[in-house]
């Protein structure tokens, strides 16, 4: 894959420094934008799903949809 989009790079930098530093109201749309930039990146989809699952049940359904989508992408030729 190419370099991370700036949004994803910023998310990963903040997470590495302090996992809870970025509030949920900012990280959810940031991951959404990153996934829109790379809709065929199964690693990113799983990362976004894991992050969504870490912050309460209101986005669990979305997170659970990302995981099989990532698997389908990996299995497609």
PDB file of N, CA and C in Angstrom:
ATOM      1  N   UNK A   1       0.831  -1.189   0.000  1.00  0.00           N
ATOM      2  CA  UNK A   1       0.000   0.000   0.000  1.00  0.00           C
ATOM      3  C   UNK A   1       0.874   1.252   0.000  1.00  0.00           C
ATOM      4  N   UNK A   2       0.289   2.329  -0.477  1.00  0.00           N
ATOM      5  CA  UNK A   2       0.989   3.605  -0.447  1.00  0.00           C
ATOM      6  C   UNK A   2       1.064   4.109   0.975  1.00  0.00           C
ATOM      7  N   UNK A   3       1.693   5.265   1.126  1.00  0.00           N
ATOM      8  CA  UNK A   3       1.781   5.860   2.459  1.00  0.00           C
ATOM      9  C   UNK A   3       0.389   6.078   3.032  1.00  0.00           C
ATOM     10  N   UNK A   4       0.323   6.126   4.356  1.00  0.00           N
ATOM     11  CA  UNK A   4      -0.953   6.367   5.018  1.00  0.00           C
ATOM     12  C   UNK A   4      -1.478   7.742   4.647  1.00  0.00           C
ATOM     13  N   UNK A   5      -2.788   7.847   4.484  1.00  0.00           N
ATOM     14  CA  UNK A   5      -3.361   9.182   4.325  1.00  0.00           C
ATOM     15  C   UNK A   5      -3.017  10.010   5.563  1.00  0.00           C
ATOM     16  N   UNK A   6      -2.963  11.287   5.416  1.00  0.00           N
ATOM     17  CA  UNK A   6      -2.612  12.152   6.539  1.00  0.00           C
ATOM     18  C   UNK A   6      -3.508  11.924   7.747  1.00  0.00           C
ATOM     19  N   UNK A   7      -4.779  11.692   7.514  1.00  0.00           N
ATOM     20  CA  UNK A   7      -5.713  11.463   8.620  1.00  0.00           C
ATOM     21  C   UNK A   7      -5.305  10.215   9.397  1.00  0.00           C
ATOM     22  N   UNK A   8      -5.022   9.142   8.680  1.00  0.00           N
ATOM     23  CA  UNK A   8      -4.645   7.891   9.324  1.00  0.00           C
ATOM     24  C   UNK A   8      -3.303   8.028  10.042  1.00  0.00           C
ATOM     25  N   UNK A   9      -2.362   8.702   9.426  1.00  0.00           N
ATOM     26  CA  UNK A   9      -1.063   8.913  10.070  1.00  0.00           C
ATOM     27  C   UNK A   9      -1.231   9.696  11.374  1.00  0.00           C
ATOM     28  N   UNK A  10      -2.076  10.712  11.360  1.00  0.00           N
ATOM     29  CA  UNK A  10      -2.317  11.495  12.575  1.00  0.00           C
ATOM     30  C   UNK A  10      -2.985  10.646  13.655  1.00  0.00           C
ATOM     31  N   UNK A  11      -3.966   9.834  13.266  1.00  0.00           N
ATOM     32  CA  UNK A  11      -4.632   8.946  14.229  1.00  0.00           C
ATOM     33  C   UNK A  11      -3.628   7.997  14.875  1.00  0.00           C
ATOM     34  N   UNK A  12      -2.786   7.411  14.057  1.00  0.00           N
ATOM     35  CA  UNK A  12      -1.808   6.454  14.577  1.00  0.00           C
ATOM     36  C   UNK A  12      -0.768   7.125  15.461  1.00  0.00           C
ATOM     37  N   UNK A  13      -0.361   8.343  15.117  1.00  0.00           N
ATOM     38  CA  UNK A  13       0.592   9.087  15.955  1.00  0.00           C
ATOM     39  C   UNK A  13      -0.004   9.398  17.323  1.00  0.00           C
ATOM     40  N   UNK A  14      -1.233   9.879  17.331  1.00  0.00           N
ATOM     41  CA  UNK A  14      -1.897  10.214  18.592  1.00  0.00           C
ATOM     42  C   UNK A  14      -2.091   8.958  19.429  1.00  0.00           C
ATOM     43  N   UNK A  15      -2.534   7.888  18.794  1.00  0.00           N
ATOM     44  CA  UNK A  15      -2.735   6.627  19.517  1.00  0.00           C
ATOM     45  C   UNK A  15      -1.444   6.103  20.121  1.00  0.00           C
ATOM     46  N   UNK A  16      -0.355   6.229  19.386  1.00  0.00           N
ATOM     47  CA  UNK A  16       0.929   5.736  19.882  1.00  0.00           C
ATOM     48  C   UNK A  16       1.402   6.542  21.093  1.00  0.00           C
ATOM     49  N   UNK A  17       1.133   7.832  21.080  1.00  0.00           N
ATOM     50  CA  UNK A  17       1.558   8.695  22.183  1.00  0.00           C
ATOM     51  C   UNK A  17       0.680   8.508  23.418  1.00  0.00           C
ATOM     52  N   UNK A  18      -0.630   8.475  23.219  1.00  0.00           N
ATOM     53  CA  UNK A  18      -1.582   8.321  24.327  1.00  0.00           C
ATOM     54  C   UNK A  18      -2.894   7.833  23.732  1.00  0.00           C
ATOM     55  N   UNK A  19      -3.192   6.564  23.928  1.00  0.00           N
ATOM     56  CA  UNK A  19      -4.331   5.923  23.289  1.00  0.00           C
ATOM     57  C   UNK A  19      -5.636   6.683  23.521  1.00  0.00           C
ATOM     58  N   UNK A  20      -5.813   7.282  24.671  1.00  0.00           N
ATOM     59  CA  UNK A  20      -7.059   7.985  25.003  1.00  0.00           C
ATOM     60  C   UNK A  20      -6.997   9.492  24.735  1.00  0.00           C
ATOM     61  N   UNK A  21      -5.937   9.965  24.129  1.00  0.00           N
ATOM     62  CA  UNK A  21      -5.775  11.408  23.939  1.00  0.00           C
ATOM     63  C   UNK A  21      -6.801  12.015  22.986  1.00  0.00           C
ATOM     64  N   UNK A  22      -7.193  11.274  21.983  1.00  0.00           N
ATOM     65  CA  UNK A  22      -8.144  11.797  21.006  1.00  0.00           C
ATOM     66  C   UNK A  22      -9.556  11.379  21.400  1.00  0.00           C
ATOM     67  N   UNK A  23     -10.456  12.340  21.603  1.00  0.00           N
ATOM     68  CA  UNK A  23     -11.819  11.987  22.030  1.00  0.00           C
ATOM     69  C   UNK A  23     -12.577  11.222  20.937  1.00  0.00           C
ATOM     70  N   UNK A  24     -13.541  10.457  21.377  1.00  0.00           N
ATOM     71  CA  UNK A  24     -14.323   9.613  20.472  1.00  0.00           C
ATOM     72  C   UNK A  24     -15.003  10.443  19.395  1.00  0.00           C
ATOM     73  N   UNK A  25     -15.502  11.610  19.748  1.00  0.00           N
ATOM     74  CA  UNK A  25     -16.213  12.429  18.767  1.00  0.00           C
ATOM     75  C   UNK A  25     -15.286  12.860  17.634  1.00  0.00           C
ATOM     76  N   UNK A  26     -13.969  12.796  17.829  1.00  0.00           N
ATOM     77  CA  UNK A  26     -13.018  13.133  16.768  1.00  0.00           C
ATOM     78  C   UNK A  26     -12.488  11.882  16.071  1.00  0.00           C
ATOM     79  N   UNK A  27     -12.237  10.810  16.835  1.00  0.00           N
ATOM     80  CA  UNK A  27     -11.646   9.626  16.210  1.00  0.00           C
ATOM     81  C   UNK A  27     -12.620   8.871  15.327  1.00  0.00           C
ATOM     82  N   UNK A  28     -13.893   8.803  15.678  1.00  0.00           N
ATOM     83  CA  UNK A  28     -14.850   8.089  14.828  1.00  0.00           C
ATOM     84  C   UNK A  28     -14.937   8.684  13.426  1.00  0.00           C
ATOM     85  N   UNK A  29     -15.152   9.994  13.283  1.00  0.00           N
ATOM     86  CA  UNK A  29     -15.199  10.539  11.918  1.00  0.00           C
ATOM     87  C   UNK A  29     -13.831  10.497  11.226  1.00  0.00           C
ATOM     88  N   UNK A  30     -12.754  10.565  11.996  1.00  0.00           N
ATOM     89  CA  UNK A  30     -11.424  10.473  11.382  1.00  0.00           C
ATOM     90  C   UNK A  30     -11.209   9.092  10.767  1.00  0.00           C
ATOM     91  N   UNK A  31     -11.592   8.044  11.491  1.00  0.00           N
ATOM     92  CA  UNK A  31     -11.492   6.705  10.918  1.00  0.00           C
ATOM     93  C   UNK A  31     -12.430   6.554   9.729  1.00  0.00           C
ATOM     94  N   UNK A  32     -13.586   7.141   9.801  1.00  0.00           N
ATOM     95  CA  UNK A  32     -14.539   7.070   8.686  1.00  0.00           C
ATOM     96  C   UNK A  32     -13.924   7.691   7.438  1.00  0.00           C
ATOM     97  N   UNK A  33     -13.302   8.843   7.591  1.00  0.00           N
ATOM     98  CA  UNK A  33     -12.654   9.498   6.452  1.00  0.00           C
ATOM     99  C   UNK A  33     -11.500   8.659   5.909  1.00  0.00           C
ATOM    100  N   UNK A  34     -10.714   8.079   6.804  1.00  0.00           N
ATOM    101  CA  UNK A  34      -9.601   7.230   6.374  1.00  0.00           C
ATOM    102  C   UNK A  34     -10.128   6.022   5.588  1.00  0.00           C
ATOM    103  N   UNK A  35     -11.217   5.435   6.051  1.00  0.00           N
ATOM    104  CA  UNK A  35     -11.804   4.285   5.350  1.00  0.00           C
ATOM    105  C   UNK A  35     -12.383   4.701   3.999  1.00  0.00           C
ATOM    106  N   UNK A  36     -12.885   5.909   3.899  1.00  0.00           N
ATOM    107  CA  UNK A  36     -13.371   6.399   2.609  1.00  0.00           C
ATOM    108  C   UNK A  36     -12.214   6.599   1.637  1.00  0.00           C
ATOM    109  N   UNK A  37     -11.053   6.983   2.170  1.00  0.00           N
ATOM    110  CA  UNK A  37      -9.876   7.160   1.321  1.00  0.00           C
ATOM    111  C   UNK A  37      -9.302   5.823   0.860  1.00  0.00           C
ATOM    112  N   UNK A  38      -9.464   4.795   1.686  1.00  0.00           N
ATOM    113  CA  UNK A  38      -8.917   3.471   1.376  1.00  0.00           C
ATOM    114  C   UNK A  38      -9.967   2.384   1.613  1.00  0.00           C
ATOM    115  N   UNK A  39     -11.012   2.364   0.810  1.00  0.00           N
ATOM    116  CA  UNK A  39     -12.106   1.421   1.054  1.00  0.00           C
ATOM    117  C   UNK A  39     -11.726  -0.045   0.817  1.00  0.00           C
ATOM    118  N   UNK A  40     -10.623  -0.293   0.143  1.00  0.00           N
ATOM    119  CA  UNK A  40     -10.209  -1.664  -0.159  1.00  0.00           C
ATOM    120  C   UNK A  40      -9.018  -2.116   0.678  1.00  0.00           C
ATOM    121  N   UNK A  41      -8.814  -1.510   1.827  1.00  0.00           N
ATOM    122  CA  UNK A  41      -7.688  -1.834   2.698  1.00  0.00           C
ATOM    123  C   UNK A  41      -8.191  -2.634   3.903  1.00  0.00           C
ATOM    124  N   UNK A  42      -8.072  -3.970   3.858  1.00  0.00           N
ATOM    125  CA  UNK A  42      -8.620  -4.780   4.943  1.00  0.00           C
ATOM    126  C   UNK A  42      -7.967  -4.505   6.300  1.00  0.00           C
ATOM    127  N   UNK A  43      -6.690  -4.188   6.302  1.00  0.00           N
ATOM    128  CA  UNK A  43      -6.010  -3.886   7.570  1.00  0.00           C
ATOM    129  C   UNK A  43      -6.608  -2.635   8.216  1.00  0.00           C
ATOM    130  N   UNK A  44      -6.856  -1.623   7.417  1.00  0.00           N
ATOM    131  CA  UNK A  44      -7.458  -0.393   7.922  1.00  0.00           C
ATOM    132  C   UNK A  44      -8.881  -0.650   8.411  1.00  0.00           C
ATOM    133  N   UNK A  45      -9.650  -1.438   7.675  1.00  0.00           N
ATOM    134  CA  UNK A  45     -11.019  -1.724   8.089  1.00  0.00           C
ATOM    135  C   UNK A  45     -11.044  -2.428   9.447  1.00  0.00           C
ATOM    136  N   UNK A  46     -10.136  -3.354   9.645  1.00  0.00           N
ATOM    137  CA  UNK A  46     -10.061  -4.042  10.948  1.00  0.00           C
ATOM    138  C   UNK A  46      -9.612  -3.099  12.058  1.00  0.00           C
ATOM    139  N   UNK A  47      -8.670  -2.226  11.744  1.00  0.00           N
ATOM    140  CA  UNK A  47      -8.213  -1.237  12.733  1.00  0.00           C
ATOM    141  C   UNK A  47      -9.361  -0.317  13.137  1.00  0.00           C
ATOM    142  N   UNK A  48     -10.117   0.133  12.159  1.00  0.00           N
ATOM    143  CA  UNK A  48     -11.261   1.004  12.441  1.00  0.00           C
ATOM    144  C   UNK A  48     -12.313   0.259  13.260  1.00  0.00           C
ATOM    145  N   UNK A  49     -12.563  -0.995  12.916  1.00  0.00           N
ATOM    146  CA  UNK A  49     -13.540  -1.795  13.668  1.00  0.00           C
ATOM    147  C   UNK A  49     -13.111  -1.955  15.116  1.00  0.00           C
ATOM    148  N   UNK A  50     -11.849  -2.261  15.331  1.00  0.00           N
ATOM    149  CA  UNK A  50     -11.347  -2.435  16.698  1.00  0.00           C
ATOM    150  C   UNK A  50     -11.482  -1.138  17.488  1.00  0.00           C
ATOM    151  N   UNK A  51     -11.196  -0.024  16.854  1.00  0.00           N
ATOM    152  CA  UNK A  51     -11.310   1.259  17.543  1.00  0.00           C
ATOM    153  C   UNK A  51     -12.765   1.549  17.892  1.00  0.00           C
ATOM    154  N   UNK A  52     -13.677   1.307  16.964  1.00  0.00           N
ATOM    155  CA  UNK A  52     -15.096   1.534  17.231  1.00  0.00           C
ATOM    156  C   UNK A  52     -15.593   0.667  18.385  1.00  0.00           C
ATOM    157  N   UNK A  53     -15.157  -0.581  18.420  1.00  0.00           N
ATOM    158  CA  UNK A  53     -15.585  -1.491  19.478  1.00  0.00           C
ATOM    159  C   UNK A  53     -15.036  -1.102  20.846  1.00  0.00           C
ATOM    160  N   UNK A  54     -14.001  -0.297  20.866  1.00  0.00           N
ATOM    161  CA  UNK A  54     -13.369   0.102  22.126  1.00  0.00           C
ATOM    162  C   UNK A  54     -14.122   1.208  22.857  1.00  0.00           C
ATOM    163  N   UNK A  55     -15.095   1.825  22.199  1.00  0.00           N
ATOM    164  CA  UNK A  55     -15.717   3.014  22.784  1.00  0.00           C
ATOM    165  C   UNK A  55     -17.221   2.943  22.879  1.00  0.00           C
ATOM    166  N   UNK A  56     -17.725   1.818  23.264  1.00  0.00           N
ATOM    167  CA  UNK A  56     -19.145   1.749  23.563  1.00  0.00           C
ATOM    168  C   UNK A  56     -19.982   1.147  22.473  1.00  0.00           C
ATOM    169  N   UNK A  57     -21.196   0.822  22.828  1.00  0.00           N
ATOM    170  CA  UNK A  57     -22.053   0.042  21.943  1.00  0.00           C
ATOM    171  C   UNK A  57     -22.700   0.827  20.804  1.00  0.00           C
ATOM    172  N   UNK A  58     -22.633   2.145  20.815  1.00  0.00           N
ATOM    173  CA  UNK A  58     -23.370   2.900  19.809  1.00  0.00           C
ATOM    174  C   UNK A  58     -22.841   2.712  18.389  1.00  0.00           C
ATOM    175  N   UNK A  59     -21.617   2.217  18.215  1.00  0.00           N
ATOM    176  CA  UNK A  59     -21.059   1.982  16.883  1.00  0.00           C
ATOM    177  C   UNK A  59     -20.694   0.513  16.653  1.00  0.00           C
ATOM    178  N   UNK A  60     -21.150  -0.370  17.531  1.00  0.00           N
ATOM    179  CA  UNK A  60     -20.809  -1.786  17.407  1.00  0.00           C
ATOM    180  C   UNK A  60     -21.316  -2.395  16.098  1.00  0.00           C
ATOM    181  N   UNK A  61     -22.487  -2.022  15.674  1.00  0.00           N
ATOM    182  CA  UNK A  61     -23.045  -2.574  14.445  1.00  0.00           C
ATOM    183  C   UNK A  61     -22.164  -2.211  13.247  1.00  0.00           C
ATOM    184  N   UNK A  62     -21.739  -0.979  13.194  1.00  0.00           N
ATOM    185  CA  UNK A  62     -20.839  -0.540  12.121  1.00  0.00           C
ATOM    186  C   UNK A  62     -19.529  -1.312  12.174  1.00  0.00           C
ATOM    187  N   UNK A  63     -18.981  -1.468  13.365  1.00  0.00           N
ATOM    188  CA  UNK A  63     -17.724  -2.195  13.527  1.00  0.00           C
ATOM    189  C   UNK A  63     -17.874  -3.637  13.069  1.00  0.00           C
ATOM    190  N   UNK A  64     -18.977  -4.262  13.426  1.00  0.00           N
ATOM    191  CA  UNK A  64     -19.192  -5.660  13.048  1.00  0.00           C
ATOM    192  C   UNK A  64     -19.376  -5.819  11.544  1.00  0.00           C
ATOM    193  N   UNK A  65     -19.796  -4.792  10.857  1.00  0.00           N
ATOM    194  CA  UNK A  65     -19.908  -4.841   9.399  1.00  0.00           C
ATOM    195  C   UNK A  65     -18.547  -4.721   8.718  1.00  0.00           C
ATOM    196  N   UNK A  66     -17.621  -4.033   9.352  1.00  0.00           N
ATOM    197  CA  UNK A  66     -16.296  -3.831   8.766  1.00  0.00           C
ATOM    198  C   UNK A  66     -15.468  -5.117   8.739  1.00  0.00           C
ATOM    199  N   UNK A  67     -15.596  -5.938   9.767  1.00  0.00           N
ATOM    200  CA  UNK A  67     -14.764  -7.143   9.856  1.00  0.00           C
ATOM    201  C   UNK A  67     -15.012  -8.129   8.700  1.00  0.00           C
ATOM    202  N   UNK A  68     -16.258  -8.513   8.404  1.00  0.00           N
ATOM    203  CA  UNK A  68     -16.451  -9.428   7.266  1.00  0.00           C
ATOM    204  C   UNK A  68     -16.108  -8.769   5.926  1.00  0.00           C
ATOM    205  N   UNK A  69     -16.298  -7.479   5.844  1.00  0.00           N
ATOM    206  CA  UNK A  69     -15.913  -6.767   4.619  1.00  0.00           C
ATOM    207  C   UNK A  69     -14.407  -6.892   4.393  1.00  0.00           C
ATOM    208  N   UNK A  70     -13.632  -6.766   5.460  1.00  0.00           N
ATOM    209  CA  UNK A  70     -12.178  -6.915   5.358  1.00  0.00           C
ATOM    210  C   UNK A  70     -11.820  -8.331   4.926  1.00  0.00           C
ATOM    211  N   UNK A  71     -12.492  -9.310   5.479  1.00  0.00           N
ATOM    212  CA  UNK A  71     -12.235 -10.709   5.100  1.00  0.00           C
ATOM    213  C   UNK A  71     -12.559 -10.948   3.638  1.00  0.00           C
ATOM    214  N   UNK A  72     -13.679 -10.413   3.183  1.00  0.00           N
ATOM    215  CA  UNK A  72     -14.053 -10.571   1.755  1.00  0.00           C
ATOM    216  C   UNK A  72     -13.002  -9.938   0.845  1.00  0.00           C
ATOM    217  N   UNK A  73     -12.491  -8.782   1.239  1.00  0.00           N
ATOM    218  CA  UNK A  73     -11.468  -8.118   0.425  1.00  0.00           C
ATOM    219  C   UNK A  73     -10.197  -8.958   0.332  1.00  0.00           C
ATOM    220  N   UNK A  74      -9.825  -9.578   1.436  1.00  0.00           N
ATOM    221  CA  UNK A  74      -8.627 -10.411   1.427  1.00  0.00           C
ATOM    222  C   UNK A  74      -8.810 -11.663   0.570  1.00  0.00           C
ATOM    223  N   UNK A  75     -10.018 -12.174   0.513  1.00  0.00           N
ATOM    224  CA  UNK A  75     -10.276 -13.413  -0.207  1.00  0.00           C
ATOM    225  C   UNK A  75     -10.573 -13.190  -1.684  1.00  0.00           C
ATOM    226  N   UNK A  76     -10.843 -11.957  -2.080  1.00  0.00           N
ATOM    227  CA  UNK A  76     -11.150 -11.705  -3.483  1.00  0.00           C
ATOM    228  C   UNK A  76      -9.858 -11.660  -4.297  1.00  0.00           C
ATOM    229  N   UNK A  77      -9.940 -12.143  -5.551  1.00  0.00           N
ATOM    230  CA  UNK A  77      -8.727 -12.183  -6.398  1.00  0.00           C
ATOM    231  C   UNK A  77      -8.280 -10.810  -6.840  1.00  0.00           C
TER     232      UNK A  77
END
